[in-house]
Amino acid sequence: MKKNITFSYKTSALDSGERLDSVIARVFSQFSRAHIQKWIKDGQLSLDGKTVKPKQLLKVNQLISIDALEDPVLEDEPEDIPIDIIFEDKDIIVLNKQHGLVVHPGAGNPKGTLVNALLHHNGELGFLPRAGIVHRLDKDTSGIMVVAKNEISYLDLVSQLKDRRVKRDYSALVVGVPISGSTINEPIGRHPKLRTKQAVNAKGKEAITTFKIQEKLNGYSLLNVSLETGRTHQIRVHLAFIGFPILGDSVYGGRKKFAAGTSESLKKEISKFPRQALHAEKLEFTHPASGKLVNYSAEKPKDLINLIELLNKSL
C-alpha cells in the first residue's frame, strides 16, 4: 500500500535568499537530502504551485508544498509476533529479541521473523530499509537491538555503527577458563570450505573483540564481551579461535564440548540447553534526535540464568 506524504511551509524573512533545497532540508528534517532531491526531480515538490529546481532562491511568503506517493520498501507481511520493547519514542525502538527468532526474512525463513513482527507493531516501518533494523543478532542469540522509526534516525544510526560509535556488550558462557581478559584482533571472512560458516581468515575484514572474565564456573567461564567491529558471527568465531567456544554453539564447536572433569550427569543437563549461550546485554549510542548519549540493557533470559545457576551448583 502506498503512503501519501503531504506537507506545506510558508517561507519567512529568515528564508529569503536561501536555496530551496537547503530550506527544505532544515524544515523537513525527518527526510534525507536524497529523498528531497528525488521529490523535486519527480515534480512532487512545488513552490507556489510550480515545479522548481533545487538551487532556486527563495523569497518571503512563498508556499513550499510536498504531495508525494511513496511505495513501501518492504513487501513482507505483518505478523502478530510478541516483541519485548524496552524503550520507544518517535525516533527509535529498543527491544529485547528472544532466542529462536530470525531477524530478516530469507530463503529458509520467509516469515515469522523480527521484520514481520515490527511491521505488525508499526506499519510505517515498511517504508524504511529493513524495517528500520540497523544491526542484527543471530537467530539463537538473544538480547538488545535498536530499530529506527524514520529515515533520519536510520541514516544516523547506520553512520554511528560504521564509525564504531555504538558500544555493544554481550554475556557469553564459554567452555574453558581463559588466563585473563584479552583483545582478539583477527580478520574474519567466509570459511574456505564451508560457505555457511565464518572463520578467521587472513583475507577477511578487520574484526576486533574484547572480553573480560566475569565469573569462573568449574571449568567454564562467564565472559563480558565487547564488539569494536560487527562481523557475522564475530564473537562466536573469535572465542572458538582462541580455544574457548561458546557453550551450546553447534556451528563453532561448543555443542558437544565440555570442560575437563564435567560429570556425566552435568553433561546431560548442559546438553539440554538448545542454543549458543550468548546474550546481547547492553547498548550505548547517541540518540539520533536529541544528540544525547543513551544506554539500555536487557536482562539475561531465564534459560541462560538457569544454566549459569546449574554450573554454580556444580562447584
C-alpha atoms as a PDB file:
ATOM      1  CA  MET A   1       0.000   0.000   0.000  1.00  0.00           C
ATOM      2  CA  LYS A   2       1.343   3.412  -0.961  1.00  0.00           C
ATOM      3  CA  LYS A   3       1.704   6.193   1.589  1.00  0.00           C
ATOM      4  CA  ASN A   4       0.622   9.733   0.785  1.00  0.00           C
ATOM      5  CA  ILE A   5       3.009  12.351   2.165  1.00  0.00           C
ATOM      6  CA  THR A   6       1.722  15.933   2.254  1.00  0.00           C
ATOM      7  CA  PHE A   7       3.442  18.919   3.860  1.00  0.00           C
ATOM      8  CA  SER A   8       3.374  22.650   3.328  1.00  0.00           C
ATOM      9  CA  TYR A   9       5.510  25.518   4.577  1.00  0.00           C
ATOM     10  CA  LYS A  10       5.361  29.270   4.002  1.00  0.00           C
ATOM     11  CA  THR A  11       8.734  30.965   3.832  1.00  0.00           C
ATOM     12  CA  SER A  12       9.691  33.751   6.225  1.00  0.00           C
ATOM     13  CA  ALA A  13      12.238  36.569   6.165  1.00  0.00           C
ATOM     14  CA  LEU A  14      14.805  34.099   7.561  1.00  0.00           C
ATOM     15  CA  ASP A  15      14.481  32.011   4.381  1.00  0.00           C
ATOM     16  CA  SER A  16      14.778  34.914   1.927  1.00  0.00           C
ATOM     17  CA  GLY A  17      17.764  34.460  -0.396  1.00  0.00           C
ATOM     18  CA  GLU A  18      18.335  30.859   0.735  1.00  0.00           C
ATOM     19  CA  ARG A  19      18.373  27.888  -1.663  1.00  0.00           C
ATOM     20  CA  LEU A  20      15.185  25.847  -1.829  1.00  0.00           C
ATOM     21  CA  ASP A  21      16.895  22.513  -1.085  1.00  0.00           C
ATOM     22  CA  SER A  22      18.698  23.951   1.965  1.00  0.00           C
ATOM     23  CA  VAL A  23      15.498  25.321   3.486  1.00  0.00           C
ATOM     24  CA  ILE A  24      13.581  22.101   2.819  1.00  0.00           C
ATOM     25  CA  ALA A  25      16.335  20.026   4.460  1.00  0.00           C
ATOM     26  CA  ARG A  26      16.043  22.227   7.562  1.00  0.00           C
ATOM     27  CA  VAL A  27      12.239  22.403   7.697  1.00  0.00           C
ATOM     28  CA  PHE A  28      11.525  18.771   6.772  1.00  0.00           C
ATOM     29  CA  SER A  29      14.446  17.318   8.750  1.00  0.00           C
ATOM     30  CA  GLN A  30      12.781  13.900   9.072  1.00  0.00           C
ATOM     31  CA  PHE A  31      13.681  13.215   5.427  1.00  0.00           C
ATOM     32  CA  SER A  32      17.127  12.772   3.902  1.00  0.00           C
ATOM     33  CA  ARG A  33      18.513  15.180   1.292  1.00  0.00           C
ATOM     34  CA  ALA A  34      18.448  12.334  -1.248  1.00  0.00           C
ATOM     35  CA  HIS A  35      14.735  11.842  -0.571  1.00  0.00           C
ATOM     36  CA  ILE A  36      14.036  15.556  -1.009  1.00  0.00           C
ATOM     37  CA  GLN A  37      16.069  15.731  -4.232  1.00  0.00           C
ATOM     38  CA  LYS A  38      14.000  12.863  -5.637  1.00  0.00           C
ATOM     39  CA  TRP A  39      10.735  14.682  -4.870  1.00  0.00           C
ATOM     40  CA  ILE A  40      11.995  17.833  -6.603  1.00  0.00           C
ATOM     41  CA  LYS A  41      13.154  15.807  -9.628  1.00  0.00           C
ATOM     42  CA  ASP A  42       9.823  13.940  -9.856  1.00  0.00           C
ATOM     43  CA  GLY A  43       7.791  17.142  -9.552  1.00  0.00           C
ATOM     44  CA  GLN A  44       6.265  16.097  -6.228  1.00  0.00           C
ATOM     45  CA  LEU A  45       7.574  19.206  -4.515  1.00  0.00           C
ATOM     46  CA  SER A  46       6.382  22.611  -5.707  1.00  0.00           C
ATOM     47  CA  LEU A  47       6.929  26.289  -4.974  1.00  0.00           C
ATOM     48  CA  ASP A  48       3.783  28.408  -5.276  1.00  0.00           C
ATOM     49  CA  GLY A  49       2.220  25.554  -7.240  1.00  0.00           C
ATOM     50  CA  LYS A  50       5.051  25.310  -9.784  1.00  0.00           C
ATOM     51  CA  THR A  51       7.835  22.765 -10.197  1.00  0.00           C
ATOM     52  CA  VAL A  52      11.257  24.104  -9.293  1.00  0.00           C
ATOM     53  CA  LYS A  53      14.971  23.341  -9.276  1.00  0.00           C
ATOM     54  CA  PRO A  54      16.940  22.620  -6.078  1.00  0.00           C
ATOM     55  CA  LYS A  55      19.072  25.773  -6.404  1.00  0.00           C
ATOM     56  CA  GLN A  56      16.031  28.080  -6.651  1.00  0.00           C
ATOM     57  CA  LEU A  57      16.488  31.104  -4.351  1.00  0.00           C
ATOM     58  CA  LEU A  58      13.537  31.822  -2.113  1.00  0.00           C
ATOM     59  CA  LYS A  59      11.571  34.964  -1.302  1.00  0.00           C
ATOM     60  CA  VAL A  60       9.324  35.809   1.640  1.00  0.00           C
ATOM     61  CA  ASN A  61       5.792  34.329   1.792  1.00  0.00           C
ATOM     62  CA  GLN A  62       6.300  31.627  -0.802  1.00  0.00           C
ATOM     63  CA  LEU A  63       4.474  28.328  -0.320  1.00  0.00           C
ATOM     64  CA  ILE A  64       6.524  25.121  -0.435  1.00  0.00           C
ATOM     65  CA  SER A  65       4.292  22.075  -0.911  1.00  0.00           C
ATOM     66  CA  ILE A  66       5.073  18.360  -0.868  1.00  0.00           C
ATOM     67  CA  ASP A  67       2.491  15.957  -2.288  1.00  0.00           C
ATOM     68  CA  ALA A  68       4.149  12.592  -2.795  1.00  0.00           C
ATOM     69  CA  LEU A  69       3.114   8.952  -3.044  1.00  0.00           C
ATOM     70  CA  GLU A  70       5.624   6.594  -1.507  1.00  0.00           C
ATOM     71  CA  ASP A  71       5.909   2.871  -2.197  1.00  0.00           C
ATOM     72  CA  PRO A  72       6.874   0.667   0.759  1.00  0.00           C
ATOM     73  CA  VAL A  73      10.458  -0.571   0.691  1.00  0.00           C
ATOM     74  CA  LEU A  74       9.381  -3.969   2.051  1.00  0.00           C
ATOM     75  CA  GLU A  75       6.668  -6.332   0.842  1.00  0.00           C
ATOM     76  CA  ASP A  76       6.827  -8.694   3.824  1.00  0.00           C
ATOM     77  CA  GLU A  77       3.595  -9.432   5.663  1.00  0.00           C
ATOM     78  CA  PRO A  78       2.937  -8.122   9.188  1.00  0.00           C
ATOM     79  CA  GLU A  79       2.646 -10.918  11.757  1.00  0.00           C
ATOM     80  CA  ASP A  80       1.407 -10.774  15.333  1.00  0.00           C
ATOM     81  CA  ILE A  81       4.624 -11.928  16.987  1.00  0.00           C
ATOM     82  CA  PRO A  82       5.293 -10.637  20.531  1.00  0.00           C
ATOM     83  CA  ILE A  83       8.103  -8.091  20.881  1.00  0.00           C
ATOM     84  CA  ASP A  84       9.704  -7.241  24.219  1.00  0.00           C
ATOM     85  CA  ILE A  85      10.068  -3.454  23.899  1.00  0.00           C
ATOM     86  CA  ILE A  86      12.442  -1.829  26.386  1.00  0.00           C
ATOM     87  CA  PHE A  87      12.031   1.743  25.132  1.00  0.00           C
ATOM     88  CA  GLU A  88      10.195   3.527  22.340  1.00  0.00           C
ATOM     89  CA  ASP A  89       9.752   7.122  21.221  1.00  0.00           C
ATOM     90  CA  LYS A  90       9.002   8.779  17.861  1.00  0.00           C
ATOM     91  CA  ASP A  91      12.526   8.056  16.573  1.00  0.00           C
ATOM     92  CA  ILE A  92      13.685   4.657  17.847  1.00  0.00           C
ATOM     93  CA  ILE A  93      12.611   1.322  19.292  1.00  0.00           C
ATOM     94  CA  VAL A  94      14.916  -0.540  21.674  1.00  0.00           C
ATOM     95  CA  LEU A  95      13.900  -4.180  22.062  1.00  0.00           C
ATOM     96  CA  ASN A  96      14.998  -7.430  23.654  1.00  0.00           C
ATOM     97  CA  LYS A  97      14.987 -10.125  20.948  1.00  0.00           C
ATOM     98  CA  GLN A  98      14.094 -13.613  22.115  1.00  0.00           C
ATOM     99  CA  HIS A  99      16.297 -16.510  21.049  1.00  0.00           C
ATOM    100  CA  GLY A 100      14.928 -18.578  18.174  1.00  0.00           C
ATOM    101  CA  LEU A 101      13.679 -15.505  16.310  1.00  0.00           C
ATOM    102  CA  VAL A 102      15.306 -14.813  12.933  1.00  0.00           C
ATOM    103  CA  VAL A 103      15.855 -11.087  12.296  1.00  0.00           C
ATOM    104  CA  HIS A 104      15.380 -10.834   8.498  1.00  0.00           C
ATOM    105  CA  PRO A 105      13.267 -12.970   6.139  1.00  0.00           C
ATOM    106  CA  GLY A 106      15.314 -15.174   3.839  1.00  0.00           C
ATOM    107  CA  ALA A 107      15.208 -18.323   1.734  1.00  0.00           C
ATOM    108  CA  GLY A 108      14.846 -20.632   4.723  1.00  0.00           C
ATOM    109  CA  ASN A 109      12.746 -18.217   6.779  1.00  0.00           C
ATOM    110  CA  PRO A 110      10.258 -16.368   4.547  1.00  0.00           C
ATOM    111  CA  LYS A 111       8.120 -15.356   7.524  1.00  0.00           C
ATOM    112  CA  GLY A 112       7.973 -15.491  11.300  1.00  0.00           C
ATOM    113  CA  THR A 113      10.864 -13.030  11.654  1.00  0.00           C
ATOM    114  CA  LEU A 114      11.540  -9.877  13.623  1.00  0.00           C
ATOM    115  CA  VAL A 115      10.836  -7.856  10.473  1.00  0.00           C
ATOM    116  CA  ASN A 116       7.332  -9.357  10.283  1.00  0.00           C
ATOM    117  CA  ALA A 117       6.795  -8.603  13.965  1.00  0.00           C
ATOM    118  CA  LEU A 118       7.927  -4.984  13.582  1.00  0.00           C
ATOM    119  CA  LEU A 119       5.632  -4.438  10.590  1.00  0.00           C
ATOM    120  CA  HIS A 120       2.708  -5.591  12.729  1.00  0.00           C
ATOM    121  CA  HIS A 121       3.793  -3.281  15.543  1.00  0.00           C
ATOM    122  CA  ASN A 122       4.172  -0.280  13.234  1.00  0.00           C
ATOM    123  CA  GLY A 123       3.261  -0.464   9.535  1.00  0.00           C
ATOM    124  CA  GLU A 124       5.204   2.747   8.816  1.00  0.00           C
ATOM    125  CA  LEU A 125       8.426   0.749   9.244  1.00  0.00           C
ATOM    126  CA  GLY A 126       7.682  -0.864   5.876  1.00  0.00           C
ATOM    127  CA  PHE A 127       8.805   2.379   4.239  1.00  0.00           C
ATOM    128  CA  LEU A 128      12.293   2.065   5.724  1.00  0.00           C
ATOM    129  CA  PRO A 129      15.124  -0.253   4.628  1.00  0.00           C
ATOM    130  CA  ARG A 130      14.987  -3.497   6.632  1.00  0.00           C
ATOM    131  CA  ALA A 131      12.026  -2.129   8.618  1.00  0.00           C
ATOM    132  CA  GLY A 132      14.437   0.238  10.376  1.00  0.00           C
ATOM    133  CA  ILE A 133      16.745  -2.524  11.654  1.00  0.00           C
ATOM    134  CA  VAL A 134      20.327  -1.237  11.666  1.00  0.00           C
ATOM    135  CA  HIS A 135      22.162  -4.248  13.126  1.00  0.00           C
ATOM    136  CA  ARG A 136      21.331  -7.886  13.659  1.00  0.00           C
ATOM    137  CA  LEU A 137      21.625 -10.774  16.084  1.00  0.00           C
ATOM    138  CA  ASP A 138      21.882 -14.430  15.117  1.00  0.00           C
ATOM    139  CA  LYS A 139      18.704 -16.488  15.370  1.00  0.00           C
ATOM    140  CA  ASP A 140      19.763 -18.220  18.590  1.00  0.00           C
ATOM    141  CA  THR A 141      21.390 -15.176  20.196  1.00  0.00           C
ATOM    142  CA  SER A 142      19.080 -13.239  22.492  1.00  0.00           C
ATOM    143  CA  GLY A 143      19.272  -9.637  23.536  1.00  0.00           C
ATOM    144  CA  ILE A 144      19.152  -5.945  22.883  1.00  0.00           C
ATOM    145  CA  MET A 145      18.707  -4.252  19.499  1.00  0.00           C
ATOM    146  CA  VAL A 146      17.845  -0.738  18.309  1.00  0.00           C
ATOM    147  CA  VAL A 147      15.450  -0.042  15.424  1.00  0.00           C
ATOM    148  CA  ALA A 148      14.980   3.319  13.674  1.00  0.00           C
ATOM    149  CA  LYS A 149      11.446   4.655  13.143  1.00  0.00           C
ATOM    150  CA  ASN A 150      12.212   7.262  10.490  1.00  0.00           C
ATOM    151  CA  GLU A 151      14.690   7.859   7.694  1.00  0.00           C
ATOM    152  CA  ILE A 152      16.889  10.385   9.504  1.00  0.00           C
ATOM    153  CA  SER A 153      17.230   8.140  12.561  1.00  0.00           C
ATOM    154  CA  TYR A 154      18.031   5.178  10.318  1.00  0.00           C
ATOM    155  CA  LEU A 155      20.804   7.012   8.475  1.00  0.00           C
ATOM    156  CA  ASP A 156      22.198   8.405  11.736  1.00  0.00           C
ATOM    157  CA  LEU A 157      22.351   5.023  13.482  1.00  0.00           C
ATOM    158  CA  VAL A 158      23.892   3.338  10.430  1.00  0.00           C
ATOM    159  CA  SER A 159      26.546   6.074  10.430  1.00  0.00           C
ATOM    160  CA  GLN A 160      27.249   5.553  14.142  1.00  0.00           C
ATOM    161  CA  LEU A 161      27.744   1.826  13.605  1.00  0.00           C
ATOM    162  CA  LYS A 162      30.014   2.438  10.634  1.00  0.00           C
ATOM    163  CA  ASP A 163      32.112   4.903  12.655  1.00  0.00           C
ATOM    164  CA  ARG A 164      32.253   2.481  15.617  1.00  0.00           C
ATOM    165  CA  ARG A 165      30.440   4.881  17.945  1.00  0.00           C
ATOM    166  CA  VAL A 166      27.933   2.278  19.155  1.00  0.00           C
ATOM    167  CA  LYS A 167      29.005   0.298  22.217  1.00  0.00           C
ATOM    168  CA  ARG A 168      27.721  -3.284  22.336  1.00  0.00           C
ATOM    169  CA  ASP A 169      28.293  -5.569  25.333  1.00  0.00           C
ATOM    170  CA  TYR A 170      27.423  -9.265  25.486  1.00  0.00           C
ATOM    171  CA  SER A 171      27.419 -12.043  28.065  1.00  0.00           C
ATOM    172  CA  ALA A 172      28.943 -15.272  26.786  1.00  0.00           C
ATOM    173  CA  LEU A 173      29.209 -18.573  28.639  1.00  0.00           C
ATOM    174  CA  VAL A 174      32.228 -20.459  27.280  1.00  0.00           C
ATOM    175  CA  VAL A 175      33.894 -23.836  27.671  1.00  0.00           C
ATOM    176  CA  GLY A 176      37.215 -23.397  29.489  1.00  0.00           C
ATOM    177  CA  VAL A 177      38.795 -20.699  31.636  1.00  0.00           C
ATOM    178  CA  PRO A 178      40.993 -18.044  29.995  1.00  0.00           C
ATOM    179  CA  ILE A 179      44.020 -16.903  31.999  1.00  0.00           C
ATOM    180  CA  SER A 180      42.797 -13.321  31.780  1.00  0.00           C
ATOM    181  CA  GLY A 181      40.737 -10.940  29.685  1.00  0.00           C
ATOM    182  CA  SER A 182      42.097 -10.053  26.278  1.00  0.00           C
ATOM    183  CA  THR A 183      41.531  -8.362  22.933  1.00  0.00           C
ATOM    184  CA  ILE A 184      41.218 -10.563  19.841  1.00  0.00           C
ATOM    185  CA  ASN A 185      42.244  -8.731  16.680  1.00  0.00           C
ATOM    186  CA  GLU A 186      41.895 -11.276  13.884  1.00  0.00           C
ATOM    187  CA  PRO A 187      40.265 -10.762  10.459  1.00  0.00           C
ATOM    188  CA  ILE A 188      37.076 -12.676   9.722  1.00  0.00           C
ATOM    189  CA  GLY A 189      35.780 -13.886   6.371  1.00  0.00           C
ATOM    190  CA  ARG A 190      33.944 -16.836   4.881  1.00  0.00           C
ATOM    191  CA  HIS A 191      35.215 -20.288   5.791  1.00  0.00           C
ATOM    192  CA  PRO A 192      37.332 -21.545   2.856  1.00  0.00           C
ATOM    193  CA  LYS A 193      35.438 -24.848   2.630  1.00  0.00           C
ATOM    194  CA  LEU A 194      32.146 -24.436   4.479  1.00  0.00           C
ATOM    195  CA  ARG A 195      30.378 -21.466   2.902  1.00  0.00           C
ATOM    196  CA  THR A 196      27.722 -21.191   5.595  1.00  0.00           C
ATOM    197  CA  LYS A 197      30.386 -20.591   8.261  1.00  0.00           C
ATOM    198  CA  GLN A 198      32.735 -17.731   9.025  1.00  0.00           C
ATOM    199  CA  ALA A 199      36.355 -18.159  10.064  1.00  0.00           C
ATOM    200  CA  VAL A 200      39.483 -16.267  10.996  1.00  0.00           C
ATOM    201  CA  ASN A 201      40.841 -15.609   7.538  1.00  0.00           C
ATOM    202  CA  ALA A 202      43.838 -13.507   6.501  1.00  0.00           C
ATOM    203  CA  LYS A 203      41.805 -12.264   3.519  1.00  0.00           C
ATOM    204  CA  GLY A 204      38.836 -11.344   5.692  1.00  0.00           C
ATOM    205  CA  LYS A 205      37.749  -7.998   7.144  1.00  0.00           C
ATOM    206  CA  GLU A 206      39.143  -6.435  10.291  1.00  0.00           C
ATOM    207  CA  ALA A 207      37.438  -7.798  13.407  1.00  0.00           C
ATOM    208  CA  ILE A 208      38.148  -6.752  16.997  1.00  0.00           C
ATOM    209  CA  THR A 209      36.617  -8.370  20.088  1.00  0.00           C
ATOM    210  CA  THR A 210      37.497  -7.586  23.713  1.00  0.00           C
ATOM    211  CA  PHE A 211      36.493  -9.745  26.674  1.00  0.00           C
ATOM    212  CA  LYS A 212      36.789  -9.787  30.456  1.00  0.00           C
ATOM    213  CA  ILE A 213      36.183 -12.682  32.813  1.00  0.00           C
ATOM    214  CA  GLN A 214      33.025 -12.043  34.786  1.00  0.00           C
ATOM    215  CA  GLU A 215      32.811 -15.360  36.633  1.00  0.00           C
ATOM    216  CA  LYS A 216      34.662 -18.710  36.712  1.00  0.00           C
ATOM    217  CA  LEU A 217      32.371 -21.742  36.895  1.00  0.00           C
ATOM    218  CA  ASN A 218      34.275 -25.006  37.465  1.00  0.00           C
ATOM    219  CA  GLY A 219      35.881 -25.301  34.034  1.00  0.00           C
ATOM    220  CA  TYR A 220      33.508 -22.856  32.345  1.00  0.00           C
ATOM    221  CA  SER A 221      33.560 -19.046  32.265  1.00  0.00           C
ATOM    222  CA  LEU A 222      31.015 -16.273  32.022  1.00  0.00           C
ATOM    223  CA  LEU A 223      32.597 -13.524  29.921  1.00  0.00           C
ATOM    224  CA  ASN A 224      31.702  -9.913  29.341  1.00  0.00           C
ATOM    225  CA  VAL A 225      32.378  -9.328  25.640  1.00  0.00           C
ATOM    226  CA  SER A 226      32.562  -6.019  23.748  1.00  0.00           C
ATOM    227  CA  LEU A 227      32.472  -5.542  19.992  1.00  0.00           C
ATOM    228  CA  GLU A 228      34.515  -2.886  18.238  1.00  0.00           C
ATOM    229  CA  THR A 229      33.526  -4.205  14.825  1.00  0.00           C
ATOM    230  CA  GLY A 230      30.427  -6.151  13.787  1.00  0.00           C
ATOM    231  CA  ARG A 231      31.293  -9.070  11.524  1.00  0.00           C
ATOM    232  CA  THR A 232      28.924 -12.009  11.026  1.00  0.00           C
ATOM    233  CA  HIS A 233      29.250 -14.467  13.945  1.00  0.00           C
ATOM    234  CA  GLN A 234      32.196 -12.410  15.203  1.00  0.00           C
ATOM    235  CA  ILE A 235      32.071 -13.317  18.909  1.00  0.00           C
ATOM    236  CA  ARG A 236      31.401 -16.977  18.193  1.00  0.00           C
ATOM    237  CA  VAL A 237      34.256 -17.210  15.673  1.00  0.00           C
ATOM    238  CA  HIS A 238      36.794 -15.309  17.779  1.00  0.00           C
ATOM    239  CA  LEU A 239      36.159 -17.174  21.022  1.00  0.00           C
ATOM    240  CA  ALA A 240      36.289 -20.541  19.254  1.00  0.00           C
ATOM    241  CA  PHE A 241      39.519 -19.457  17.528  1.00  0.00           C
ATOM    242  CA  ILE A 242      41.311 -18.884  20.866  1.00  0.00           C
ATOM    243  CA  GLY A 243      40.051 -22.202  22.227  1.00  0.00           C
ATOM    244  CA  PHE A 244      37.034 -21.096  24.284  1.00  0.00           C
ATOM    245  CA  PRO A 245      33.919 -21.878  22.209  1.00  0.00           C
ATOM    246  CA  ILE A 246      30.554 -20.633  23.411  1.00  0.00           C
ATOM    247  CA  LEU A 247      28.687 -23.358  25.268  1.00  0.00           C
ATOM    248  CA  GLY A 248      25.939 -24.865  23.119  1.00  0.00           C
ATOM    249  CA  ASP A 249      27.255 -23.480  19.813  1.00  0.00           C
ATOM    250  CA  SER A 250      26.624 -26.257  17.284  1.00  0.00           C
ATOM    251  CA  VAL A 251      28.388 -24.407  14.452  1.00  0.00           C
ATOM    252  CA  TYR A 252      31.631 -23.349  16.113  1.00  0.00           C
ATOM    253  CA  GLY A 253      32.421 -26.283  18.356  1.00  0.00           C
ATOM    254  CA  GLY A 254      30.709 -25.638  21.660  1.00  0.00           C
ATOM    255  CA  ARG A 255      27.769 -28.018  21.298  1.00  0.00           C
ATOM    256  CA  LYS A 256      29.464 -31.303  22.201  1.00  0.00           C
ATOM    257  CA  LYS A 257      32.495 -29.905  24.003  1.00  0.00           C
ATOM    258  CA  PHE A 258      32.667 -29.989  27.786  1.00  0.00           C
ATOM    259  CA  ALA A 259      35.219 -28.833  30.325  1.00  0.00           C
ATOM    260  CA  ALA A 260      37.553 -31.459  31.759  1.00  0.00           C
ATOM    261  CA  GLY A 261      36.055 -33.061  34.856  1.00  0.00           C
ATOM    262  CA  THR A 262      32.432 -32.413  33.886  1.00  0.00           C
ATOM    263  CA  SER A 263      30.340 -35.268  35.301  1.00  0.00           C
ATOM    264  CA  GLU A 264      28.151 -37.348  33.031  1.00  0.00           C
ATOM    265  CA  SER A 265      25.030 -36.136  34.802  1.00  0.00           C
ATOM    266  CA  LEU A 266      26.103 -32.492  34.308  1.00  0.00           C
ATOM    267  CA  LYS A 267      26.906 -33.163  30.637  1.00  0.00           C
ATOM    268  CA  LYS A 268      23.389 -34.486  30.235  1.00  0.00           C
ATOM    269  CA  GLU A 269      21.890 -31.353  31.794  1.00  0.00           C
ATOM    270  CA  ILE A 270      24.113 -28.984  29.782  1.00  0.00           C
ATOM    271  CA  SER A 271      23.151 -30.801  26.560  1.00  0.00           C
ATOM    272  CA  LYS A 272      19.526 -29.810  27.130  1.00  0.00           C
ATOM    273  CA  PHE A 273      20.459 -26.154  26.523  1.00  0.00           C
ATOM    274  CA  PRO A 274      19.193 -25.680  22.947  1.00  0.00           C
ATOM    275  CA  ARG A 275      21.393 -22.849  21.645  1.00  0.00           C
ATOM    276  CA  GLN A 276      24.633 -20.909  21.971  1.00  0.00           C
ATOM    277  CA  ALA A 277      24.904 -19.287  25.411  1.00  0.00           C
ATOM    278  CA  LEU A 278      25.246 -15.739  24.079  1.00  0.00           C
ATOM    279  CA  HIS A 279      23.174 -12.704  25.056  1.00  0.00           C
ATOM    280  CA  ALA A 280      23.436  -9.074  23.900  1.00  0.00           C
ATOM    281  CA  GLU A 281      23.152  -7.312  27.249  1.00  0.00           C
ATOM    282  CA  LYS A 282      23.965  -3.603  26.816  1.00  0.00           C
ATOM    283  CA  LEU A 283      23.782  -0.996  24.077  1.00  0.00           C
ATOM    284  CA  GLU A 284      25.101   2.567  24.129  1.00  0.00           C
ATOM    285  CA  PHE A 285      24.716   5.119  21.320  1.00  0.00           C
ATOM    286  CA  THR A 286      23.879   8.745  20.625  1.00  0.00           C
ATOM    287  CA  HIS A 287      20.142   9.329  20.307  1.00  0.00           C
ATOM    288  CA  PRO A 288      19.624  10.440  16.686  1.00  0.00           C
ATOM    289  CA  ALA A 289      17.154  13.201  17.602  1.00  0.00           C
ATOM    290  CA  SER A 290      18.324  14.546  20.971  1.00  0.00           C
ATOM    291  CA  GLY A 291      22.056  14.089  20.393  1.00  0.00           C
ATOM    292  CA  LYS A 292      22.379  12.722  23.940  1.00  0.00           C
ATOM    293  CA  LEU A 293      24.365   9.604  24.811  1.00  0.00           C
ATOM    294  CA  VAL A 294      21.892   6.899  25.882  1.00  0.00           C
ATOM    295  CA  ASN A 295      22.355   3.369  27.151  1.00  0.00           C
ATOM    296  CA  TYR A 296      19.961   0.479  27.598  1.00  0.00           C
ATOM    297  CA  SER A 297      20.236  -3.055  28.923  1.00  0.00           C
ATOM    298  CA  ALA A 298      18.361  -6.329  28.538  1.00  0.00           C
ATOM    299  CA  GLU A 299      18.313  -8.806  31.390  1.00  0.00           C
ATOM    300  CA  LYS A 300      19.647 -12.285  30.754  1.00  0.00           C
ATOM    301  CA  PRO A 301      16.884 -14.676  29.677  1.00  0.00           C
ATOM    302  CA  LYS A 302      15.649 -17.367  32.038  1.00  0.00           C
ATOM    303  CA  ASP A 303      17.282 -20.247  30.167  1.00  0.00           C
ATOM    304  CA  LEU A 304      20.740 -18.653  30.424  1.00  0.00           C
ATOM    305  CA  ILE A 305      20.258 -17.752  34.092  1.00  0.00           C
ATOM    306  CA  ASN A 306      19.278 -21.353  34.836  1.00  0.00           C
ATOM    307  CA  LEU A 307      22.365 -22.666  33.020  1.00  0.00           C
ATOM    308  CA  ILE A 308      24.673 -20.371  34.999  1.00  0.00           C
ATOM    309  CA  GLU A 309      22.991 -21.470  38.248  1.00  0.00           C
ATOM    310  CA  LEU A 310      23.420 -25.112  37.224  1.00  0.00           C
ATOM    311  CA  LEU A 311      27.166 -24.626  36.735  1.00  0.00           C
ATOM    312  CA  ASN A 312      27.403 -22.733  40.024  1.00  0.00           C
ATOM    313  CA  LYS A 313      25.817 -25.652  41.858  1.00  0.00           C
ATOM    314  CA  SER A 314      28.431 -27.994  40.423  1.00  0.00           C
ATOM    315  CA  LEU A 315      31.265 -26.102  42.195  1.00  0.00           C
END
